[in-house]
Structure formats: structure tokens, C-alpha cells
Amino acid sequence: MQTLIRAATQDDVDTLFEIRTSVIQNHLSIEQMAELGITPQLLADSMREAPCVWIAEVDGQPVAFAMVDLAEGEVFAMFVLPSHENLGLGRQLMAVAEAALFEHHDRLFLITDGRDEIRANGFYRHLGWSVVERVEGDDVRYQKSRAG
């Protein structure tokens, strides 16, 4: 298995949406994302403004991605195809995303579903993130500070 982490390009926008809509936990359809204002055009515009999305490829096929909001210091998205979970791709993508954010911020955050059955919570805690508050509904805000 050959793995590559690379910056996403405009040509990857459709692939990012395919990965995002393939997940089982925290699933959103294209229509649900559009209702939240997350559209291919918004993603393409964000990518034009700054390098903010990275893709993990396995044997040349995109299978995961992470996206950040550089201005806010937020990990905005991190998704892995169900067929490629537990291969360390999320950990690799988070390392790249965190490094990019720590260039601009001393403290990072992300918001996700805080229910116990959501596997992402254990993943984030394992990577040193801490829940700092409940936000809307079942969502929680995680935070991570620069070491040292």
C-alpha cells in the first residue's frame, strides 16, 4: 500500500464531496451540506484563497481528506472512506492540518458530534485534543494548544 498526502486542487472538489458523503457516522448528503452553505463553489473559493485542504491517496486513489479554516484556527473537516479506516490516514492528515494551523495560531479548535458512540471523539482525544465546551445540540468544541 503506497500512501501520499498532498494538497488538494480545484480538480479535487467533486472527489472531496464524494468522500464526505460516503461516511457512515456524521453523514451528510450533498443537499444537507448545501443547506449548511457548504457547496462546491464555496470549497473551490476557499482553496483559491489559501492552501486549506489535504488529500490522502492510497495507491493513487483519493480516500480521505482534511480541511482547515486558516483564519479561524479550525479543523473544519476530516473524513476517511469507510473502506480505508484504521490505516493511520486520519492521523497523518491531522498532523498536516495541525501544522498548518499552528503556523498562525497558538490554540486550535474543532467542533464535532459529542455523543459517546461517535468514534471521532476517541480519535481526537488520542491526538491530544480536549473538550472545552458543549455547543449546539450534541456538538462539542475540542481545543488543542501548541506544545511547549
N, C-alpha and C. Protein backbone atom coordinates (compact mmCIF):
# COMPACT_ATOMS: atom_id res chain seq x y z
N MET A 1 0.85 -1.18 0.00
CA MET A 1 0.00 0.00 0.00
C MET A 1 0.89 1.24 0.00
N GLN A 2 0.75 2.06 -1.02
CA GLN A 2 1.52 3.29 -1.13
C GLN A 2 0.61 4.46 -0.77
N THR A 3 1.04 5.25 0.23
CA THR A 3 0.24 6.37 0.72
C THR A 3 0.92 7.69 0.39
N LEU A 4 0.13 8.67 -0.01
CA LEU A 4 0.62 10.01 -0.31
C LEU A 4 -0.36 11.02 0.30
N ILE A 5 0.17 12.01 1.01
CA ILE A 5 -0.63 13.14 1.47
C ILE A 5 -0.24 14.32 0.61
N ARG A 6 -1.22 14.95 -0.02
CA ARG A 6 -0.93 16.07 -0.91
C ARG A 6 -1.97 17.17 -0.75
N ALA A 7 -1.60 18.37 -1.17
CA ALA A 7 -2.56 19.47 -1.17
C ALA A 7 -3.62 19.20 -2.24
N ALA A 8 -4.85 19.49 -1.90
CA ALA A 8 -5.95 19.33 -2.87
C ALA A 8 -5.89 20.47 -3.87
N THR A 9 -6.43 20.20 -5.06
CA THR A 9 -6.52 21.21 -6.12
C THR A 9 -7.99 21.40 -6.49
N GLN A 10 -8.23 22.37 -7.34
CA GLN A 10 -9.59 22.62 -7.82
C GLN A 10 -10.18 21.37 -8.48
N ASP A 11 -9.34 20.57 -9.09
CA ASP A 11 -9.81 19.34 -9.76
C ASP A 11 -10.31 18.30 -8.77
N ASP A 12 -10.03 18.48 -7.48
CA ASP A 12 -10.42 17.51 -6.46
C ASP A 12 -11.77 17.80 -5.80
N VAL A 13 -12.40 18.90 -6.13
CA VAL A 13 -13.62 19.31 -5.42
C VAL A 13 -14.68 18.21 -5.44
N ASP A 14 -14.98 17.65 -6.58
CA ASP A 14 -16.00 16.59 -6.65
C ASP A 14 -15.60 15.38 -5.81
N THR A 15 -14.33 15.03 -5.84
CA THR A 15 -13.83 13.90 -5.05
C THR A 15 -14.00 14.15 -3.56
N LEU A 16 -13.76 15.38 -3.13
CA LEU A 16 -13.93 15.72 -1.71
C LEU A 16 -15.38 15.52 -1.28
N PHE A 17 -16.30 15.92 -2.13
CA PHE A 17 -17.71 15.72 -1.81
C PHE A 17 -18.08 14.24 -1.82
N GLU A 18 -17.48 13.46 -2.71
CA GLU A 18 -17.74 12.01 -2.73
C GLU A 18 -17.27 11.36 -1.44
N ILE A 19 -16.08 11.74 -0.98
CA ILE A 19 -15.56 11.19 0.28
C ILE A 19 -16.46 11.61 1.42
N ARG A 20 -16.81 12.90 1.47
CA ARG A 20 -17.62 13.42 2.57
C ARG A 20 -18.97 12.73 2.67
N THR A 21 -19.60 12.44 1.55
CA THR A 21 -20.94 11.84 1.57
C THR A 21 -20.89 10.32 1.72
N SER A 22 -19.69 9.73 1.75
CA SER A 22 -19.58 8.28 1.88
C SER A 22 -19.51 7.81 3.32
N VAL A 23 -19.25 8.71 4.26
CA VAL A 23 -19.03 8.29 5.64
C VAL A 23 -20.33 7.81 6.28
N ILE A 24 -20.18 6.95 7.29
CA ILE A 24 -21.35 6.40 7.96
C ILE A 24 -21.73 7.26 9.15
N GLN A 25 -20.76 7.55 10.03
CA GLN A 25 -21.04 8.43 11.16
C GLN A 25 -20.88 9.87 10.70
N ASN A 26 -21.76 10.74 11.22
CA ASN A 26 -21.74 12.16 10.86
C ASN A 26 -21.99 12.35 9.36
N HIS A 27 -22.84 11.49 8.80
CA HIS A 27 -23.15 11.56 7.37
C HIS A 27 -23.99 12.79 7.05
N LEU A 28 -23.66 13.43 5.96
CA LEU A 28 -24.48 14.49 5.38
C LEU A 28 -24.56 14.25 3.89
N SER A 29 -25.73 14.50 3.32
CA SER A 29 -25.89 14.40 1.87
C SER A 29 -25.44 15.72 1.24
N ILE A 30 -25.31 15.72 -0.07
CA ILE A 30 -24.97 16.95 -0.80
C ILE A 30 -26.02 18.03 -0.49
N GLU A 31 -27.28 17.63 -0.45
CA GLU A 31 -28.37 18.59 -0.18
C GLU A 31 -28.26 19.15 1.24
N GLN A 32 -27.97 18.30 2.21
CA GLN A 32 -27.82 18.76 3.59
C GLN A 32 -26.64 19.71 3.72
N MET A 33 -25.55 19.42 3.03
CA MET A 33 -24.40 20.32 3.08
C MET A 33 -24.75 21.67 2.45
N ALA A 34 -25.48 21.64 1.34
CA ALA A 34 -25.88 22.89 0.69
C ALA A 34 -26.75 23.73 1.63
N GLU A 35 -27.63 23.07 2.40
CA GLU A 35 -28.45 23.80 3.37
C GLU A 35 -27.59 24.48 4.43
N LEU A 36 -26.42 23.91 4.71
CA LEU A 36 -25.49 24.49 5.68
C LEU A 36 -24.54 25.50 5.01
N GLY A 37 -24.70 25.69 3.72
CA GLY A 37 -23.86 26.63 2.99
C GLY A 37 -22.56 26.04 2.47
N ILE A 38 -22.42 24.72 2.57
CA ILE A 38 -21.20 24.05 2.10
C ILE A 38 -21.46 23.55 0.68
N THR A 39 -20.92 24.27 -0.28
CA THR A 39 -21.15 23.97 -1.69
C THR A 39 -19.81 23.77 -2.41
N PRO A 40 -19.85 23.15 -3.58
CA PRO A 40 -18.61 23.03 -4.36
C PRO A 40 -17.98 24.40 -4.63
N GLN A 41 -18.80 25.40 -4.88
CA GLN A 41 -18.26 26.75 -5.16
C GLN A 41 -17.55 27.32 -3.93
N LEU A 42 -18.15 27.16 -2.75
CA LEU A 42 -17.52 27.64 -1.52
C LEU A 42 -16.18 26.94 -1.30
N LEU A 43 -16.16 25.63 -1.50
CA LEU A 43 -14.93 24.87 -1.32
C LEU A 43 -13.86 25.33 -2.31
N ALA A 44 -14.24 25.48 -3.57
CA ALA A 44 -13.29 25.93 -4.59
C ALA A 44 -12.76 27.32 -4.25
N ASP A 45 -13.63 28.22 -3.80
CA ASP A 45 -13.20 29.57 -3.42
C ASP A 45 -12.23 29.54 -2.25
N SER A 46 -12.53 28.71 -1.25
CA SER A 46 -11.64 28.59 -0.08
C SER A 46 -10.27 28.09 -0.50
N MET A 47 -10.25 27.13 -1.40
CA MET A 47 -8.98 26.56 -1.85
C MET A 47 -8.18 27.57 -2.66
N ARG A 48 -8.86 28.47 -3.36
CA ARG A 48 -8.16 29.51 -4.12
C ARG A 48 -7.51 30.53 -3.18
N GLU A 49 -8.16 30.79 -2.05
CA GLU A 49 -7.67 31.80 -1.10
C GLU A 49 -6.41 31.35 -0.38
N ALA A 50 -6.33 30.08 -0.01
CA ALA A 50 -5.19 29.58 0.76
C ALA A 50 -5.15 28.06 0.70
N PRO A 51 -3.97 27.48 0.86
CA PRO A 51 -3.91 26.01 0.94
C PRO A 51 -4.61 25.57 2.22
N CYS A 52 -5.74 24.90 2.08
CA CYS A 52 -6.54 24.58 3.27
C CYS A 52 -7.11 23.17 3.24
N VAL A 53 -6.83 22.40 2.20
CA VAL A 53 -7.36 21.04 2.10
C VAL A 53 -6.23 20.12 1.65
N TRP A 54 -6.14 18.98 2.35
CA TRP A 54 -5.16 17.96 2.01
C TRP A 54 -5.88 16.64 1.79
N ILE A 55 -5.37 15.88 0.83
CA ILE A 55 -5.96 14.59 0.46
C ILE A 55 -4.96 13.48 0.77
N ALA A 56 -5.47 12.38 1.28
CA ALA A 56 -4.67 11.17 1.43
C ALA A 56 -5.04 10.25 0.27
N GLU A 57 -4.02 9.82 -0.45
CA GLU A 57 -4.21 8.86 -1.54
C GLU A 57 -3.58 7.53 -1.14
N VAL A 58 -4.25 6.45 -1.50
CA VAL A 58 -3.70 5.11 -1.34
C VAL A 58 -3.64 4.50 -2.72
N ASP A 59 -2.44 4.12 -3.13
CA ASP A 59 -2.23 3.56 -4.46
C ASP A 59 -2.85 4.43 -5.55
N GLY A 60 -2.67 5.76 -5.39
CA GLY A 60 -3.12 6.71 -6.40
C GLY A 60 -4.59 7.10 -6.33
N GLN A 61 -5.34 6.54 -5.38
CA GLN A 61 -6.77 6.84 -5.26
C GLN A 61 -7.04 7.71 -4.03
N PRO A 62 -7.72 8.85 -4.19
CA PRO A 62 -8.07 9.68 -3.03
C PRO A 62 -9.06 8.94 -2.12
N VAL A 63 -8.71 8.85 -0.83
CA VAL A 63 -9.55 8.09 0.10
C VAL A 63 -9.88 8.84 1.39
N ALA A 64 -9.28 10.01 1.59
CA ALA A 64 -9.51 10.77 2.82
C ALA A 64 -9.09 12.21 2.60
N PHE A 65 -9.62 13.11 3.43
CA PHE A 65 -9.18 14.50 3.35
C PHE A 65 -9.38 15.20 4.68
N ALA A 66 -8.62 16.28 4.84
CA ALA A 66 -8.77 17.19 5.97
C ALA A 66 -8.83 18.60 5.41
N MET A 67 -9.65 19.43 6.06
CA MET A 67 -9.80 20.83 5.64
C MET A 67 -9.73 21.71 6.87
N VAL A 68 -9.05 22.84 6.74
CA VAL A 68 -8.94 23.78 7.84
C VAL A 68 -9.45 25.16 7.42
N ASP A 69 -9.78 25.95 8.43
CA ASP A 69 -10.06 27.37 8.25
C ASP A 69 -8.86 28.09 8.85
N LEU A 70 -7.93 28.50 8.00
CA LEU A 70 -6.68 29.11 8.47
C LEU A 70 -6.93 30.37 9.28
N ALA A 71 -7.89 31.18 8.87
CA ALA A 71 -8.15 32.44 9.57
C ALA A 71 -8.66 32.21 10.99
N GLU A 72 -9.51 31.20 11.17
CA GLU A 72 -10.13 30.95 12.47
C GLU A 72 -9.35 29.98 13.35
N GLY A 73 -8.43 29.22 12.75
CA GLY A 73 -7.69 28.22 13.53
C GLY A 73 -8.50 26.96 13.77
N GLU A 74 -9.35 26.61 12.82
CA GLU A 74 -10.28 25.49 12.99
C GLU A 74 -9.96 24.35 12.03
N VAL A 75 -9.98 23.13 12.55
CA VAL A 75 -10.03 21.95 11.69
C VAL A 75 -11.50 21.81 11.32
N PHE A 76 -11.81 22.11 10.08
CA PHE A 76 -13.19 22.20 9.63
C PHE A 76 -13.76 20.84 9.22
N ALA A 77 -12.89 19.96 8.71
CA ALA A 77 -13.37 18.65 8.25
C ALA A 77 -12.22 17.66 8.24
N MET A 78 -12.55 16.40 8.53
CA MET A 78 -11.58 15.30 8.45
C MET A 78 -12.40 14.04 8.23
N PHE A 79 -12.31 13.49 7.03
CA PHE A 79 -13.13 12.34 6.66
C PHE A 79 -12.32 11.30 5.90
N VAL A 80 -12.62 10.04 6.19
CA VAL A 80 -11.94 8.90 5.58
C VAL A 80 -13.01 7.96 5.02
N LEU A 81 -12.79 7.48 3.80
CA LEU A 81 -13.71 6.48 3.25
C LEU A 81 -13.81 5.30 4.22
N PRO A 82 -15.01 4.77 4.44
CA PRO A 82 -15.15 3.62 5.34
C PRO A 82 -14.22 2.46 4.99
N SER A 83 -13.97 2.26 3.71
CA SER A 83 -13.10 1.15 3.28
C SER A 83 -11.64 1.36 3.64
N HIS A 84 -11.28 2.57 4.08
CA HIS A 84 -9.87 2.87 4.38
C HIS A 84 -9.66 3.37 5.81
N GLU A 85 -10.61 3.10 6.68
CA GLU A 85 -10.46 3.49 8.08
C GLU A 85 -9.41 2.60 8.75
N ASN A 86 -8.85 3.09 9.85
CA ASN A 86 -7.89 2.35 10.68
C ASN A 86 -6.58 2.03 9.97
N LEU A 87 -6.20 2.87 9.01
CA LEU A 87 -4.91 2.70 8.33
C LEU A 87 -3.93 3.82 8.70
N GLY A 88 -4.32 4.71 9.60
CA GLY A 88 -3.46 5.82 10.00
C GLY A 88 -3.57 7.06 9.14
N LEU A 89 -4.49 7.03 8.17
CA LEU A 89 -4.62 8.17 7.26
C LEU A 89 -5.13 9.42 7.97
N GLY A 90 -6.11 9.24 8.85
CA GLY A 90 -6.63 10.37 9.61
C GLY A 90 -5.56 11.02 10.47
N ARG A 91 -4.76 10.20 11.11
CA ARG A 91 -3.67 10.70 11.95
C ARG A 91 -2.68 11.50 11.09
N GLN A 92 -2.34 11.00 9.92
CA GLN A 92 -1.41 11.71 9.03
C GLN A 92 -2.00 13.03 8.56
N LEU A 93 -3.27 13.01 8.19
CA LEU A 93 -3.93 14.24 7.74
C LEU A 93 -4.03 15.27 8.86
N MET A 94 -4.36 14.80 10.07
CA MET A 94 -4.45 15.73 11.20
C MET A 94 -3.10 16.36 11.50
N ALA A 95 -2.02 15.61 11.36
CA ALA A 95 -0.69 16.18 11.60
C ALA A 95 -0.40 17.32 10.63
N VAL A 96 -0.77 17.14 9.36
CA VAL A 96 -0.55 18.18 8.35
C VAL A 96 -1.46 19.39 8.65
N ALA A 97 -2.73 19.12 8.95
CA ALA A 97 -3.68 20.20 9.23
C ALA A 97 -3.25 21.00 10.46
N GLU A 98 -2.88 20.30 11.53
CA GLU A 98 -2.46 20.98 12.75
C GLU A 98 -1.21 21.82 12.50
N ALA A 99 -0.24 21.28 11.77
CA ALA A 99 0.99 22.03 11.48
C ALA A 99 0.67 23.32 10.74
N ALA A 100 -0.23 23.25 9.76
CA ALA A 100 -0.60 24.45 9.01
C ALA A 100 -1.27 25.48 9.92
N LEU A 101 -2.15 25.02 10.78
CA LEU A 101 -2.84 25.94 11.69
C LEU A 101 -1.91 26.52 12.74
N PHE A 102 -1.01 25.70 13.28
CA PHE A 102 -0.09 26.19 14.31
C PHE A 102 0.90 27.23 13.76
N GLU A 103 1.03 27.33 12.45
CA GLU A 103 1.84 28.41 11.87
C GLU A 103 1.21 29.77 12.12
N HIS A 104 -0.10 29.79 12.38
CA HIS A 104 -0.84 31.05 12.52
C HIS A 104 -1.51 31.22 13.88
N HIS A 105 -1.65 30.13 14.63
CA HIS A 105 -2.41 30.17 15.89
C HIS A 105 -1.71 29.36 16.97
N ASP A 106 -1.87 29.79 18.22
CA ASP A 106 -1.33 29.03 19.35
C ASP A 106 -2.34 28.02 19.87
N ARG A 107 -3.61 28.24 19.55
CA ARG A 107 -4.68 27.37 20.02
C ARG A 107 -5.61 27.07 18.84
N LEU A 108 -5.89 25.78 18.65
CA LEU A 108 -6.75 25.32 17.55
C LEU A 108 -8.05 24.81 18.11
N PHE A 109 -9.07 24.72 17.25
CA PHE A 109 -10.32 24.13 17.68
C PHE A 109 -10.97 23.36 16.56
N LEU A 110 -11.90 22.51 16.94
CA LEU A 110 -12.77 21.81 16.01
C LEU A 110 -14.08 21.53 16.73
N ILE A 111 -15.12 21.36 15.96
CA ILE A 111 -16.44 21.07 16.52
C ILE A 111 -16.95 19.79 15.86
N THR A 112 -17.44 18.88 16.70
CA THR A 112 -17.96 17.61 16.18
C THR A 112 -19.07 17.11 17.09
N ASP A 113 -19.75 16.10 16.64
CA ASP A 113 -20.80 15.44 17.42
C ASP A 113 -20.16 14.82 18.65
N GLY A 114 -20.63 15.19 19.82
CA GLY A 114 -20.01 14.74 21.06
C GLY A 114 -20.58 13.47 21.66
N ARG A 115 -21.53 12.83 20.98
CA ARG A 115 -22.12 11.61 21.54
C ARG A 115 -21.07 10.52 21.68
N ASP A 116 -21.19 9.71 22.74
CA ASP A 116 -20.21 8.68 23.06
C ASP A 116 -19.99 7.68 21.93
N GLU A 117 -21.03 7.38 21.17
CA GLU A 117 -20.88 6.36 20.12
C GLU A 117 -20.16 6.88 18.87
N ILE A 118 -19.87 8.15 18.82
CA ILE A 118 -19.16 8.72 17.66
C ILE A 118 -17.66 8.46 17.84
N ARG A 119 -17.11 7.63 16.97
CA ARG A 119 -15.71 7.21 17.08
C ARG A 119 -14.72 8.36 16.99
N ALA A 120 -15.08 9.42 16.29
CA ALA A 120 -14.16 10.55 16.13
C ALA A 120 -13.73 11.13 17.47
N ASN A 121 -14.59 11.04 18.47
CA ASN A 121 -14.25 11.61 19.77
C ASN A 121 -13.02 10.93 20.39
N GLY A 122 -12.98 9.61 20.34
CA GLY A 122 -11.81 8.90 20.84
C GLY A 122 -10.57 9.22 20.02
N PHE A 123 -10.75 9.36 18.71
CA PHE A 123 -9.65 9.71 17.81
C PHE A 123 -9.05 11.05 18.19
N TYR A 124 -9.90 12.06 18.36
CA TYR A 124 -9.39 13.39 18.70
C TYR A 124 -8.72 13.40 20.07
N ARG A 125 -9.32 12.75 21.04
CA ARG A 125 -8.71 12.69 22.38
C ARG A 125 -7.35 12.00 22.31
N HIS A 126 -7.26 10.93 21.54
CA HIS A 126 -5.99 10.21 21.38
C HIS A 126 -4.90 11.12 20.81
N LEU A 127 -5.30 12.09 19.98
CA LEU A 127 -4.35 13.01 19.37
C LEU A 127 -4.07 14.24 20.24
N GLY A 128 -4.59 14.24 21.46
CA GLY A 128 -4.28 15.33 22.38
C GLY A 128 -5.27 16.48 22.41
N TRP A 129 -6.42 16.31 21.78
CA TRP A 129 -7.46 17.34 21.81
C TRP A 129 -8.30 17.15 23.07
N SER A 130 -8.82 18.25 23.61
CA SER A 130 -9.66 18.22 24.82
C SER A 130 -10.98 18.93 24.57
N VAL A 131 -12.05 18.35 25.10
CA VAL A 131 -13.36 19.01 25.01
C VAL A 131 -13.34 20.19 25.97
N VAL A 132 -13.73 21.37 25.46
CA VAL A 132 -13.75 22.56 26.31
C VAL A 132 -15.16 23.07 26.55
N GLU A 133 -16.11 22.69 25.69
CA GLU A 133 -17.49 23.12 25.93
C GLU A 133 -18.45 22.40 24.99
N ARG A 134 -19.70 22.36 25.44
CA ARG A 134 -20.80 21.90 24.58
C ARG A 134 -21.25 23.09 23.76
N VAL A 135 -21.57 22.82 22.52
CA VAL A 135 -22.12 23.88 21.67
C VAL A 135 -23.53 23.47 21.28
N GLU A 136 -23.93 23.71 20.11
CA GLU A 136 -25.31 23.45 19.67
C GLU A 136 -25.65 21.96 19.65
N GLY A 137 -26.80 21.61 20.21
CA GLY A 137 -27.27 20.22 20.18
C GLY A 137 -26.31 19.29 20.87
N ASP A 138 -25.91 18.21 20.17
CA ASP A 138 -24.97 17.23 20.71
C ASP A 138 -23.51 17.58 20.42
N ASP A 139 -23.28 18.70 19.74
CA ASP A 139 -21.92 19.05 19.33
C ASP A 139 -21.08 19.53 20.51
N VAL A 140 -19.78 19.26 20.40
CA VAL A 140 -18.81 19.73 21.39
C VAL A 140 -17.68 20.45 20.67
N ARG A 141 -17.04 21.33 21.40
CA ARG A 141 -15.88 22.05 20.89
C ARG A 141 -14.63 21.45 21.52
N TYR A 142 -13.72 20.99 20.68
CA TYR A 142 -12.42 20.50 21.11
C TYR A 142 -11.39 21.61 20.91
N GLN A 143 -10.36 21.56 21.72
CA GLN A 143 -9.29 22.55 21.61
C GLN A 143 -7.94 21.84 21.77
N LYS A 144 -6.95 22.38 21.11
CA LYS A 144 -5.58 21.87 21.25
C LYS A 144 -4.64 23.06 21.20
N SER A 145 -3.71 23.09 22.14
CA SER A 145 -2.74 24.19 22.20
C SER A 145 -1.38 23.72 21.72
N ARG A 146 -0.62 24.68 21.27
CA ARG A 146 0.75 24.40 20.81
C ARG A 146 1.55 23.85 21.99
N ALA A 147 2.28 22.80 21.75
CA ALA A 147 3.11 22.21 22.81
C ALA A 147 4.28 23.13 23.12
N GLY A 148 4.66 23.19 24.38
CA GLY A 148 5.83 23.95 24.77
C GLY A 148 5.48 25.37 24.95
